[in-house]
C-alpha cells in the first residue's frame, strides 16, 4: 500500500497474456476503511492494556470522534470488538488479532473487494450491458480479485502493527 496526498491505495499490475502490455489498477480504500484499520491497529498495540477509550483512539490516530464511534459499533456488531461500560471501560479486541483477516474488515467496512459486481464472490451482480463469457475486462478483474484475496486472506490484524 502507498500513501499519496492522504489517499491509501494498492497498486496492482497485471501482464496481459500474449502481449507486451500491462494493466495497472489503483484500488483506493474509503476513508471509513482507513479509519477502521487505524483504530484496529491501535487496539492491537494496546491489547494487553485493557479497554481503550474512544477519545484516546481518536486523539492518537487523528480520527473524528463521531465517525469513529460508528465504525467501532459496526466492528462490535461483527464480533471483532467488544466494549466495557463504566470506569475502566472502552473498546478492546474480542479475540486473537492473528485470527482476524484483513479481507473480513474490508468487506465489512468498505464492501466488496472486487472492482466490479460481476466478479465479486460475495456481492455478485450481472452486468447489464456485457456478456461475461466474452468480456476481457471481466477476465482480467477476476485475476485482480484473486490476487487481492490471496494477500488479504493471509494477512491479519497483527500484520498492521510494526
C-alpha atoms as a PDB file:
ATOM      1  CA  UNK A   1       0.000   0.000   0.000  1.00  0.00           C
ATOM      2  CA  UNK A   2       1.129   3.513  -0.717  1.00  0.00           C
ATOM      3  CA  UNK A   3       0.263   6.949   0.693  1.00  0.00           C
ATOM      4  CA  UNK A   4      -0.269   9.803  -1.745  1.00  0.00           C
ATOM      5  CA  UNK A   5      -1.873  13.045  -0.608  1.00  0.00           C
ATOM      6  CA  UNK A   6      -3.677  11.240   2.232  1.00  0.00           C
ATOM      7  CA  UNK A   7      -5.144   8.596  -0.092  1.00  0.00           C
ATOM      8  CA  UNK A   8      -4.398   4.960   0.615  1.00  0.00           C
ATOM      9  CA  UNK A   9      -4.307   2.706  -2.390  1.00  0.00           C
ATOM     10  CA  UNK A  10      -2.911  -0.546  -3.662  1.00  0.00           C
ATOM     11  CA  UNK A  11      -1.147  -0.799  -6.996  1.00  0.00           C
ATOM     12  CA  UNK A  12      -1.946  -3.922  -8.967  1.00  0.00           C
ATOM     13  CA  UNK A  13      -0.004  -4.648 -12.146  1.00  0.00           C
ATOM     14  CA  UNK A  14      -1.151  -7.410 -14.499  1.00  0.00           C
ATOM     15  CA  UNK A  15       0.728  -8.638 -17.538  1.00  0.00           C
ATOM     16  CA  UNK A  16      -1.725  -9.348 -20.349  1.00  0.00           C
ATOM     17  CA  UNK A  17      -1.046 -12.741 -21.890  1.00  0.00           C
ATOM     18  CA  UNK A  18       0.224 -12.797 -25.473  1.00  0.00           C
ATOM     19  CA  UNK A  19       1.210  -9.137 -25.360  1.00  0.00           C
ATOM     20  CA  UNK A  20       3.733  -6.705 -24.008  1.00  0.00           C
ATOM     21  CA  UNK A  21       1.019  -4.655 -22.289  1.00  0.00           C
ATOM     22  CA  UNK A  22       0.465  -4.271 -18.595  1.00  0.00           C
ATOM     23  CA  UNK A  23      -2.708  -3.091 -16.865  1.00  0.00           C
ATOM     24  CA  UNK A  24      -2.206  -1.000 -13.767  1.00  0.00           C
ATOM     25  CA  UNK A  25      -5.011  -0.561 -11.244  1.00  0.00           C
ATOM     26  CA  UNK A  26      -5.036   1.714  -8.238  1.00  0.00           C
ATOM     27  CA  UNK A  27      -7.653   0.491  -5.781  1.00  0.00           C
ATOM     28  CA  UNK A  28      -8.489   3.028  -3.092  1.00  0.00           C
ATOM     29  CA  UNK A  29      -9.790   2.271   0.351  1.00  0.00           C
ATOM     30  CA  UNK A  30     -12.554   4.509   1.644  1.00  0.00           C
ATOM     31  CA  UNK A  31     -11.788   6.957   4.445  1.00  0.00           C
ATOM     32  CA  UNK A  32     -14.002   4.787   6.660  1.00  0.00           C
ATOM     33  CA  UNK A  33     -11.794   1.750   5.930  1.00  0.00           C
ATOM     34  CA  UNK A  34      -8.634   3.735   6.583  1.00  0.00           C
ATOM     35  CA  UNK A  35     -10.002   4.878   9.945  1.00  0.00           C
ATOM     36  CA  UNK A  36     -11.125   1.337  10.815  1.00  0.00           C
ATOM     37  CA  UNK A  37      -7.639  -0.020  10.143  1.00  0.00           C
ATOM     38  CA  UNK A  38      -6.016   2.814  12.125  1.00  0.00           C
ATOM     39  CA  UNK A  39      -8.305   2.166  15.104  1.00  0.00           C
ATOM     40  CA  UNK A  40      -7.819  -1.597  14.911  1.00  0.00           C
ATOM     41  CA  UNK A  41      -4.038  -1.269  14.710  1.00  0.00           C
ATOM     42  CA  UNK A  42      -4.123   0.917  17.833  1.00  0.00           C
ATOM     43  CA  UNK A  43      -6.264  -1.650  19.649  1.00  0.00           C
ATOM     44  CA  UNK A  44      -3.842  -4.408  18.612  1.00  0.00           C
ATOM     45  CA  UNK A  45      -0.961  -2.372  20.059  1.00  0.00           C
ATOM     46  CA  UNK A  46      -2.912  -1.809  23.309  1.00  0.00           C
ATOM     47  CA  UNK A  47      -4.400  -5.311  23.539  1.00  0.00           C
ATOM     48  CA  UNK A  48      -2.617  -6.123  26.798  1.00  0.00           C
ATOM     49  CA  UNK A  49      -3.591  -2.837  28.477  1.00  0.00           C
ATOM     50  CA  UNK A  50      -7.338  -3.458  28.834  1.00  0.00           C
ATOM     51  CA  UNK A  51     -10.207  -1.466  27.288  1.00  0.00           C
ATOM     52  CA  UNK A  52      -9.294   1.733  25.420  1.00  0.00           C
ATOM     53  CA  UNK A  53     -11.451   4.867  25.429  1.00  0.00           C
ATOM     54  CA  UNK A  54     -12.804   6.055  22.081  1.00  0.00           C
ATOM     55  CA  UNK A  55     -11.394   9.508  22.786  1.00  0.00           C
ATOM     56  CA  UNK A  56      -7.894   8.039  23.214  1.00  0.00           C
ATOM     57  CA  UNK A  57      -8.093   6.208  19.879  1.00  0.00           C
ATOM     58  CA  UNK A  58      -9.464   9.308  18.146  1.00  0.00           C
ATOM     59  CA  UNK A  59      -6.734  11.527  19.574  1.00  0.00           C
ATOM     60  CA  UNK A  60      -3.806   9.184  18.887  1.00  0.00           C
ATOM     61  CA  UNK A  61      -4.953   8.202  15.390  1.00  0.00           C
ATOM     62  CA  UNK A  62      -6.413  11.597  14.356  1.00  0.00           C
ATOM     63  CA  UNK A  63      -9.887  10.194  13.638  1.00  0.00           C
ATOM     64  CA  UNK A  64     -13.055  12.317  14.021  1.00  0.00           C
ATOM     65  CA  UNK A  65     -14.780  11.099  17.197  1.00  0.00           C
ATOM     66  CA  UNK A  66     -18.323  10.762  15.794  1.00  0.00           C
ATOM     67  CA  UNK A  67     -17.065   8.881  12.743  1.00  0.00           C
ATOM     68  CA  UNK A  68     -15.002   6.592  14.970  1.00  0.00           C
ATOM     69  CA  UNK A  69     -17.987   5.818  17.220  1.00  0.00           C
ATOM     70  CA  UNK A  70     -19.947   4.499  14.229  1.00  0.00           C
ATOM     71  CA  UNK A  71     -17.006   2.460  12.947  1.00  0.00           C
ATOM     72  CA  UNK A  72     -16.360   0.844  16.339  1.00  0.00           C
ATOM     73  CA  UNK A  73     -20.055  -0.001  16.759  1.00  0.00           C
ATOM     74  CA  UNK A  74     -20.012  -1.693  13.359  1.00  0.00           C
ATOM     75  CA  UNK A  75     -16.910  -3.685  14.326  1.00  0.00           C
ATOM     76  CA  UNK A  76     -18.568  -4.637  17.618  1.00  0.00           C
ATOM     77  CA  UNK A  77     -21.713  -5.873  15.848  1.00  0.00           C
ATOM     78  CA  UNK A  78     -19.441  -8.026  13.660  1.00  0.00           C
ATOM     79  CA  UNK A  79     -17.879  -9.616  16.801  1.00  0.00           C
ATOM     80  CA  UNK A  80     -14.440  -8.184  16.092  1.00  0.00           C
ATOM     81  CA  UNK A  81     -14.536  -5.819  19.066  1.00  0.00           C
ATOM     82  CA  UNK A  82     -16.234  -5.765  22.427  1.00  0.00           C
ATOM     83  CA  UNK A  83     -16.711  -2.973  24.918  1.00  0.00           C
ATOM     84  CA  UNK A  84     -16.965  -2.416  28.631  1.00  0.00           C
ATOM     85  CA  UNK A  85     -19.011   0.393  30.188  1.00  0.00           C
ATOM     86  CA  UNK A  86     -18.165   2.453  33.224  1.00  0.00           C
ATOM     87  CA  UNK A  87     -14.886   3.131  34.969  1.00  0.00           C
ATOM     88  CA  UNK A  88     -12.047   1.352  33.191  1.00  0.00           C
ATOM     89  CA  UNK A  89     -14.300   0.902  30.178  1.00  0.00           C
ATOM     90  CA  UNK A  90     -13.700   1.261  26.483  1.00  0.00           C
ATOM     91  CA  UNK A  91     -13.207  -0.921  23.424  1.00  0.00           C
ATOM     92  CA  UNK A  92     -10.999  -3.972  23.065  1.00  0.00           C
ATOM     93  CA  UNK A  93     -10.401  -6.795  20.591  1.00  0.00           C
ATOM     94  CA  UNK A  94     -12.799  -9.664  21.171  1.00  0.00           C
ATOM     95  CA  UNK A  95     -10.415 -12.379  20.018  1.00  0.00           C
ATOM     96  CA  UNK A  96      -6.895 -13.033  18.853  1.00  0.00           C
ATOM     97  CA  UNK A  97      -5.811 -10.442  16.244  1.00  0.00           C
ATOM     98  CA  UNK A  98      -3.968 -13.226  14.398  1.00  0.00           C
ATOM     99  CA  UNK A  99      -7.370 -14.754  13.580  1.00  0.00           C
ATOM    100  CA  UNK A 100      -8.930 -11.635  12.029  1.00  0.00           C
ATOM    101  CA  UNK A 101      -8.229 -11.475   8.297  1.00  0.00           C
ATOM    102  CA  UNK A 102      -7.914  -8.097   6.584  1.00  0.00           C
ATOM    103  CA  UNK A 103     -10.335  -9.286   3.884  1.00  0.00           C
ATOM    104  CA  UNK A 104     -13.071  -9.564   6.528  1.00  0.00           C
ATOM    105  CA  UNK A 105     -12.520  -5.977   7.661  1.00  0.00           C
ATOM    106  CA  UNK A 106     -12.527  -4.602   4.121  1.00  0.00           C
ATOM    107  CA  UNK A 107     -15.733  -6.445   3.230  1.00  0.00           C
ATOM    108  CA  UNK A 108     -17.392  -5.282   6.426  1.00  0.00           C
ATOM    109  CA  UNK A 109     -16.413  -1.625   6.247  1.00  0.00           C
ATOM    110  CA  UNK A 110     -15.715  -0.980   2.557  1.00  0.00           C
ATOM    111  CA  UNK A 111     -17.881  -3.563   0.808  1.00  0.00           C
ATOM    112  CA  UNK A 112     -16.776  -5.882  -1.985  1.00  0.00           C
ATOM    113  CA  UNK A 113     -13.103  -6.458  -2.652  1.00  0.00           C
ATOM    114  CA  UNK A 114     -13.817  -6.970  -6.351  1.00  0.00           C
ATOM    115  CA  UNK A 115     -13.652  -3.890  -8.562  1.00  0.00           C
ATOM    116  CA  UNK A 116     -16.860  -4.777 -10.448  1.00  0.00           C
ATOM    117  CA  UNK A 117     -20.017  -6.500  -9.181  1.00  0.00           C
ATOM    118  CA  UNK A 118     -19.771  -9.143 -11.940  1.00  0.00           C
ATOM    119  CA  UNK A 119     -16.528 -10.515 -10.454  1.00  0.00           C
ATOM    120  CA  UNK A 120     -17.479 -10.335  -6.778  1.00  0.00           C
ATOM    121  CA  UNK A 121     -17.658 -13.575  -4.814  1.00  0.00           C
ATOM    122  CA  UNK A 122     -19.968 -12.226  -2.099  1.00  0.00           C
ATOM    123  CA  UNK A 123     -21.765  -9.323  -3.793  1.00  0.00           C
ATOM    124  CA  UNK A 124     -22.207 -10.660  -7.349  1.00  0.00           C
ATOM    125  CA  UNK A 125     -24.436  -8.785  -9.778  1.00  0.00           C
ATOM    126  CA  UNK A 126     -24.605  -9.435 -13.501  1.00  0.00           C
ATOM    127  CA  UNK A 127     -23.512  -6.540 -15.692  1.00  0.00           C
ATOM    128  CA  UNK A 128     -26.397  -5.079 -17.669  1.00  0.00           C
ATOM    129  CA  UNK A 129     -24.519  -4.235 -20.824  1.00  0.00           C
ATOM    130  CA  UNK A 130     -21.990  -7.009 -21.406  1.00  0.00           C
ATOM    131  CA  UNK A 131     -21.626 -10.738 -21.886  1.00  0.00           C
ATOM    132  CA  UNK A 132     -19.307 -12.047 -19.162  1.00  0.00           C
ATOM    133  CA  UNK A 133     -18.256 -15.021 -21.284  1.00  0.00           C
ATOM    134  CA  UNK A 134     -16.718 -12.696 -23.894  1.00  0.00           C
ATOM    135  CA  UNK A 135     -15.595  -9.782 -21.728  1.00  0.00           C
ATOM    136  CA  UNK A 136     -11.844  -9.292 -21.459  1.00  0.00           C
ATOM    137  CA  UNK A 137     -12.223  -6.809 -18.597  1.00  0.00           C
ATOM    138  CA  UNK A 138     -14.245  -9.360 -16.624  1.00  0.00           C
ATOM    139  CA  UNK A 139     -11.489 -11.949 -17.037  1.00  0.00           C
ATOM    140  CA  UNK A 140      -8.735  -9.505 -16.046  1.00  0.00           C
ATOM    141  CA  UNK A 141     -10.637  -8.287 -12.984  1.00  0.00           C
ATOM    142  CA  UNK A 142     -11.153 -11.863 -11.812  1.00  0.00           C
ATOM    143  CA  UNK A 143      -7.347 -12.137 -11.777  1.00  0.00           C
ATOM    144  CA  UNK A 144      -7.139  -8.849  -9.839  1.00  0.00           C
ATOM    145  CA  UNK A 145      -9.744 -10.062  -7.340  1.00  0.00           C
ATOM    146  CA  UNK A 146      -7.974 -13.383  -6.864  1.00  0.00           C
ATOM    147  CA  UNK A 147      -4.565 -11.721  -6.418  1.00  0.00           C
ATOM    148  CA  UNK A 148      -6.015  -9.276  -3.877  1.00  0.00           C
ATOM    149  CA  UNK A 149      -7.812 -12.023  -1.982  1.00  0.00           C
ATOM    150  CA  UNK A 150      -4.690 -14.164  -1.973  1.00  0.00           C
ATOM    151  CA  UNK A 151      -2.979 -11.436   0.054  1.00  0.00           C
ATOM    152  CA  UNK A 152      -5.898 -10.136   2.138  1.00  0.00           C
ATOM    153  CA  UNK A 153      -6.985 -13.621   3.266  1.00  0.00           C
ATOM    154  CA  UNK A 154      -3.445 -14.324   4.530  1.00  0.00           C
ATOM    155  CA  UNK A 155      -2.830 -11.006   6.286  1.00  0.00           C
ATOM    156  CA  UNK A 156      -4.319 -10.405   9.731  1.00  0.00           C
ATOM    157  CA  UNK A 157      -4.687  -7.548  12.189  1.00  0.00           C
ATOM    158  CA  UNK A 158      -1.282  -8.490  13.608  1.00  0.00           C
ATOM    159  CA  UNK A 159       0.267  -7.523  10.268  1.00  0.00           C
ATOM    160  CA  UNK A 160      -0.877  -3.922  10.849  1.00  0.00           C
ATOM    161  CA  UNK A 161       1.442  -3.492  13.812  1.00  0.00           C
ATOM    162  CA  UNK A 162       5.069  -2.505  13.232  1.00  0.00           C
END
